[in-house]
N, C-alpha and C. Protein backbone atom coordinates (compact mmCIF):
# COMPACT_ATOMS: atom_id res chain seq x y z
N UNK A 1 -35.18 -8.32 -125.16
CA UNK A 1 -36.23 -8.73 -126.05
C UNK A 1 -36.89 -7.47 -126.62
N UNK A 2 -36.96 -7.35 -127.94
CA UNK A 2 -37.64 -6.20 -128.54
C UNK A 2 -39.13 -6.22 -128.17
N UNK A 3 -39.65 -5.05 -127.90
CA UNK A 3 -41.07 -4.96 -127.58
C UNK A 3 -41.60 -3.59 -127.98
N UNK A 4 -42.90 -3.41 -127.87
CA UNK A 4 -43.51 -2.14 -128.16
C UNK A 4 -44.81 -2.03 -127.39
N UNK A 5 -45.36 -0.86 -127.36
CA UNK A 5 -46.67 -0.64 -126.73
C UNK A 5 -47.46 0.32 -127.60
N UNK A 6 -48.75 0.14 -127.63
CA UNK A 6 -49.62 1.10 -128.30
C UNK A 6 -50.29 1.91 -127.20
N UNK A 7 -50.00 3.19 -127.18
CA UNK A 7 -50.55 4.09 -126.18
C UNK A 7 -51.83 4.67 -126.75
N UNK A 8 -52.91 4.62 -125.99
CA UNK A 8 -54.19 5.13 -126.48
C UNK A 8 -54.62 6.36 -125.68
N UNK A 9 -55.55 7.10 -126.27
CA UNK A 9 -56.10 8.30 -125.65
C UNK A 9 -57.58 8.39 -126.02
N UNK A 10 -58.23 9.43 -125.53
CA UNK A 10 -59.62 9.63 -125.91
C UNK A 10 -59.68 9.87 -127.41
N UNK A 11 -60.78 9.50 -128.06
CA UNK A 11 -60.83 9.63 -129.52
C UNK A 11 -61.07 11.06 -129.98
N UNK A 12 -60.58 11.36 -131.17
CA UNK A 12 -60.93 12.62 -131.82
C UNK A 12 -62.39 12.52 -132.24
N UNK A 13 -62.95 13.62 -132.70
CA UNK A 13 -64.34 13.62 -133.15
C UNK A 13 -64.57 12.58 -134.24
N UNK A 14 -63.64 12.49 -135.17
CA UNK A 14 -63.75 11.53 -136.27
C UNK A 14 -63.69 10.09 -135.75
N UNK A 15 -62.73 9.80 -134.90
CA UNK A 15 -62.55 8.44 -134.40
C UNK A 15 -63.62 8.03 -133.40
N UNK A 16 -64.24 8.99 -132.73
CA UNK A 16 -65.28 8.67 -131.76
C UNK A 16 -66.47 8.00 -132.42
N UNK A 17 -66.65 8.22 -133.71
CA UNK A 17 -67.73 7.55 -134.44
C UNK A 17 -67.48 6.04 -134.54
N UNK A 18 -66.22 5.62 -134.36
CA UNK A 18 -65.85 4.22 -134.54
C UNK A 18 -65.51 3.50 -133.24
N UNK A 19 -64.93 4.23 -132.27
CA UNK A 19 -64.44 3.57 -131.06
C UNK A 19 -64.31 4.59 -129.93
N UNK A 20 -64.20 4.09 -128.70
CA UNK A 20 -64.10 4.98 -127.54
C UNK A 20 -62.67 5.36 -127.19
N UNK A 21 -61.72 4.94 -127.99
CA UNK A 21 -60.33 5.37 -127.82
C UNK A 21 -59.62 5.29 -129.16
N UNK A 22 -58.43 5.90 -129.22
CA UNK A 22 -57.64 5.87 -130.45
C UNK A 22 -56.16 5.84 -130.08
N UNK A 23 -55.30 5.37 -130.97
CA UNK A 23 -53.86 5.41 -130.68
C UNK A 23 -53.38 6.85 -130.57
N UNK A 24 -52.41 7.08 -129.71
CA UNK A 24 -51.77 8.39 -129.64
C UNK A 24 -50.98 8.58 -130.93
N UNK A 25 -51.17 9.71 -131.58
CA UNK A 25 -50.42 10.05 -132.79
C UNK A 25 -49.60 11.28 -132.45
N UNK A 26 -48.29 11.18 -132.60
CA UNK A 26 -47.40 12.29 -132.26
C UNK A 26 -46.98 13.03 -133.52
N UNK A 27 -47.10 14.33 -133.50
CA UNK A 27 -46.62 15.13 -134.63
C UNK A 27 -45.09 15.17 -134.59
N UNK A 28 -44.45 15.32 -135.74
CA UNK A 28 -42.99 15.25 -135.80
C UNK A 28 -42.27 16.22 -134.86
N UNK A 29 -42.85 17.37 -134.58
CA UNK A 29 -42.15 18.32 -133.72
C UNK A 29 -42.01 17.86 -132.27
N UNK A 30 -42.82 16.90 -131.84
CA UNK A 30 -42.68 16.40 -130.46
C UNK A 30 -41.90 15.09 -130.38
N UNK A 31 -41.48 14.52 -131.51
CA UNK A 31 -40.73 13.27 -131.48
C UNK A 31 -39.49 13.35 -130.59
N UNK A 32 -38.64 14.39 -130.71
CA UNK A 32 -37.45 14.44 -129.84
C UNK A 32 -37.80 14.43 -128.36
N UNK A 33 -38.81 15.20 -127.96
CA UNK A 33 -39.20 15.23 -126.56
C UNK A 33 -39.74 13.87 -126.12
N UNK A 34 -40.54 13.23 -126.96
CA UNK A 34 -41.11 11.93 -126.63
C UNK A 34 -39.99 10.90 -126.44
N UNK A 35 -38.95 11.00 -127.26
CA UNK A 35 -37.83 10.06 -127.19
C UNK A 35 -36.78 10.45 -126.16
N UNK A 36 -37.03 11.54 -125.43
CA UNK A 36 -36.10 11.97 -124.39
C UNK A 36 -34.90 12.71 -124.92
N UNK A 37 -34.96 13.19 -126.15
CA UNK A 37 -33.82 13.88 -126.77
C UNK A 37 -33.91 15.39 -126.60
N UNK A 38 -35.09 15.90 -126.26
CA UNK A 38 -35.28 17.34 -126.17
C UNK A 38 -34.91 17.88 -124.80
N UNK A 39 -34.88 19.17 -124.70
CA UNK A 39 -34.57 19.82 -123.43
C UNK A 39 -35.77 20.59 -122.89
N UNK A 40 -36.94 20.38 -123.50
CA UNK A 40 -38.13 21.13 -123.11
C UNK A 40 -38.70 20.75 -121.76
N UNK A 41 -38.34 19.59 -121.24
CA UNK A 41 -38.81 19.18 -119.94
C UNK A 41 -40.24 18.68 -119.89
N UNK A 42 -40.89 18.56 -121.03
CA UNK A 42 -42.26 18.03 -121.04
C UNK A 42 -42.22 16.53 -120.82
N UNK A 43 -43.15 16.03 -120.03
CA UNK A 43 -43.24 14.60 -119.79
C UNK A 43 -43.99 13.91 -120.90
N UNK A 44 -43.79 12.60 -121.02
CA UNK A 44 -44.45 11.82 -122.05
C UNK A 44 -45.96 11.94 -121.96
N UNK A 45 -46.49 11.93 -120.75
CA UNK A 45 -47.95 12.02 -120.59
C UNK A 45 -48.48 13.36 -121.11
N UNK A 46 -47.75 14.42 -120.86
CA UNK A 46 -48.17 15.74 -121.35
C UNK A 46 -48.11 15.80 -122.87
N UNK A 47 -47.08 15.21 -123.46
CA UNK A 47 -46.93 15.21 -124.91
C UNK A 47 -48.06 14.43 -125.57
N UNK A 48 -48.44 13.29 -124.96
CA UNK A 48 -49.44 12.41 -125.55
C UNK A 48 -50.86 12.77 -125.17
N UNK A 49 -51.05 13.77 -124.33
CA UNK A 49 -52.38 14.10 -123.84
C UNK A 49 -53.30 14.54 -124.97
N UNK A 50 -54.47 13.95 -125.00
CA UNK A 50 -55.49 14.35 -125.95
C UNK A 50 -55.34 13.74 -127.32
N UNK A 51 -56.42 13.75 -128.07
CA UNK A 51 -56.43 13.15 -129.40
C UNK A 51 -55.75 14.04 -130.45
N UNK A 52 -55.29 13.40 -131.50
CA UNK A 52 -54.75 14.11 -132.66
C UNK A 52 -55.93 14.77 -133.38
N UNK A 53 -55.76 15.97 -133.89
CA UNK A 53 -56.88 16.67 -134.54
C UNK A 53 -57.48 15.87 -135.70
N UNK A 54 -58.80 15.85 -135.78
CA UNK A 54 -59.50 15.10 -136.83
C UNK A 54 -59.12 15.55 -138.23
N UNK A 55 -58.80 16.83 -138.41
CA UNK A 55 -58.47 17.30 -139.75
C UNK A 55 -57.11 16.80 -140.24
N UNK A 56 -56.35 16.14 -139.37
CA UNK A 56 -55.08 15.56 -139.76
C UNK A 56 -55.15 14.05 -139.97
N UNK A 57 -56.36 13.50 -139.94
CA UNK A 57 -56.56 12.06 -140.04
C UNK A 57 -57.47 11.76 -141.22
N UNK A 58 -57.19 10.67 -141.92
CA UNK A 58 -58.06 10.19 -142.99
C UNK A 58 -58.63 8.85 -142.54
N UNK A 59 -59.89 8.64 -142.78
CA UNK A 59 -60.57 7.43 -142.34
C UNK A 59 -61.31 6.81 -143.52
N UNK A 60 -61.22 5.46 -143.68
CA UNK A 60 -61.97 4.77 -144.72
C UNK A 60 -62.29 3.35 -144.23
N UNK A 61 -63.35 2.75 -144.76
CA UNK A 61 -63.70 1.39 -144.35
C UNK A 61 -62.71 0.38 -144.92
N UNK A 62 -62.43 -0.65 -144.12
CA UNK A 62 -61.53 -1.73 -144.55
C UNK A 62 -62.25 -3.07 -144.38
N UNK A 63 -61.68 -4.09 -144.94
CA UNK A 63 -62.25 -5.43 -144.91
C UNK A 63 -62.34 -5.97 -143.48
N UNK A 64 -63.37 -6.76 -143.19
CA UNK A 64 -63.44 -7.43 -141.90
C UNK A 64 -62.28 -8.41 -141.69
N UNK A 65 -61.55 -8.71 -142.75
CA UNK A 65 -60.36 -9.56 -142.64
C UNK A 65 -59.33 -8.98 -141.68
N UNK A 66 -59.40 -7.67 -141.44
CA UNK A 66 -58.47 -7.01 -140.53
C UNK A 66 -58.54 -7.64 -139.14
N UNK A 67 -59.71 -8.15 -138.75
CA UNK A 67 -59.90 -8.70 -137.42
C UNK A 67 -59.33 -10.09 -137.20
N UNK A 68 -58.71 -10.69 -138.20
CA UNK A 68 -58.15 -12.03 -138.06
C UNK A 68 -56.62 -11.95 -138.15
N UNK A 69 -55.93 -12.32 -137.07
CA UNK A 69 -54.48 -12.21 -137.04
C UNK A 69 -53.78 -13.11 -138.06
N UNK A 70 -54.48 -14.07 -138.63
CA UNK A 70 -53.90 -14.94 -139.67
C UNK A 70 -53.70 -14.18 -140.97
N UNK A 71 -54.43 -13.09 -141.15
CA UNK A 71 -54.32 -12.29 -142.38
C UNK A 71 -53.22 -11.24 -142.21
N UNK A 72 -52.35 -11.16 -143.20
CA UNK A 72 -51.25 -10.21 -143.15
C UNK A 72 -50.81 -9.88 -144.58
N UNK A 73 -51.56 -8.99 -145.22
CA UNK A 73 -51.23 -8.61 -146.58
C UNK A 73 -51.67 -7.17 -146.82
N UNK A 74 -51.14 -6.52 -147.86
CA UNK A 74 -51.45 -5.12 -148.13
C UNK A 74 -52.94 -4.85 -148.36
N UNK A 75 -53.68 -5.86 -148.79
CA UNK A 75 -55.09 -5.66 -149.04
C UNK A 75 -55.88 -5.30 -147.80
N UNK A 76 -55.32 -5.54 -146.62
CA UNK A 76 -56.02 -5.25 -145.37
C UNK A 76 -56.28 -3.76 -145.18
N UNK A 77 -55.46 -2.92 -145.74
CA UNK A 77 -55.64 -1.48 -145.54
C UNK A 77 -56.23 -0.76 -146.76
N UNK A 78 -56.56 -1.53 -147.79
CA UNK A 78 -57.19 -0.92 -148.97
C UNK A 78 -58.63 -0.58 -148.65
N UNK A 79 -59.10 0.57 -149.09
CA UNK A 79 -60.51 0.91 -148.86
C UNK A 79 -61.46 -0.08 -149.53
N UNK A 80 -62.57 -0.33 -148.90
CA UNK A 80 -63.61 -1.18 -149.50
C UNK A 80 -64.87 -0.34 -149.67
N UNK A 81 -65.77 -0.83 -150.51
CA UNK A 81 -67.07 -0.17 -150.71
C UNK A 81 -68.05 -0.86 -149.80
N UNK A 82 -68.73 -0.08 -148.98
CA UNK A 82 -69.74 -0.66 -148.09
C UNK A 82 -71.02 -0.89 -148.84
N UNK A 83 -71.73 -1.97 -148.49
CA UNK A 83 -73.00 -2.26 -149.19
C UNK A 83 -74.06 -1.21 -148.89
């Protein structure tokens, strides 16, 4: 059965304004090690440790529609203007 997991970590400075955790974001250079293809010997936990730098993330407000699993359209990730 196909499955997936979202691995979380402590938030970056930017994300801490919104939540107490954030998804682990892996930079392309660690993808082979994360997938077990590298020879560096680093464990997954070491690779995923810590938040992704805030200067590599863009943040914008989105519609509250995001919180309803019945909604599934591109408009969910479009920026909105806050009142």
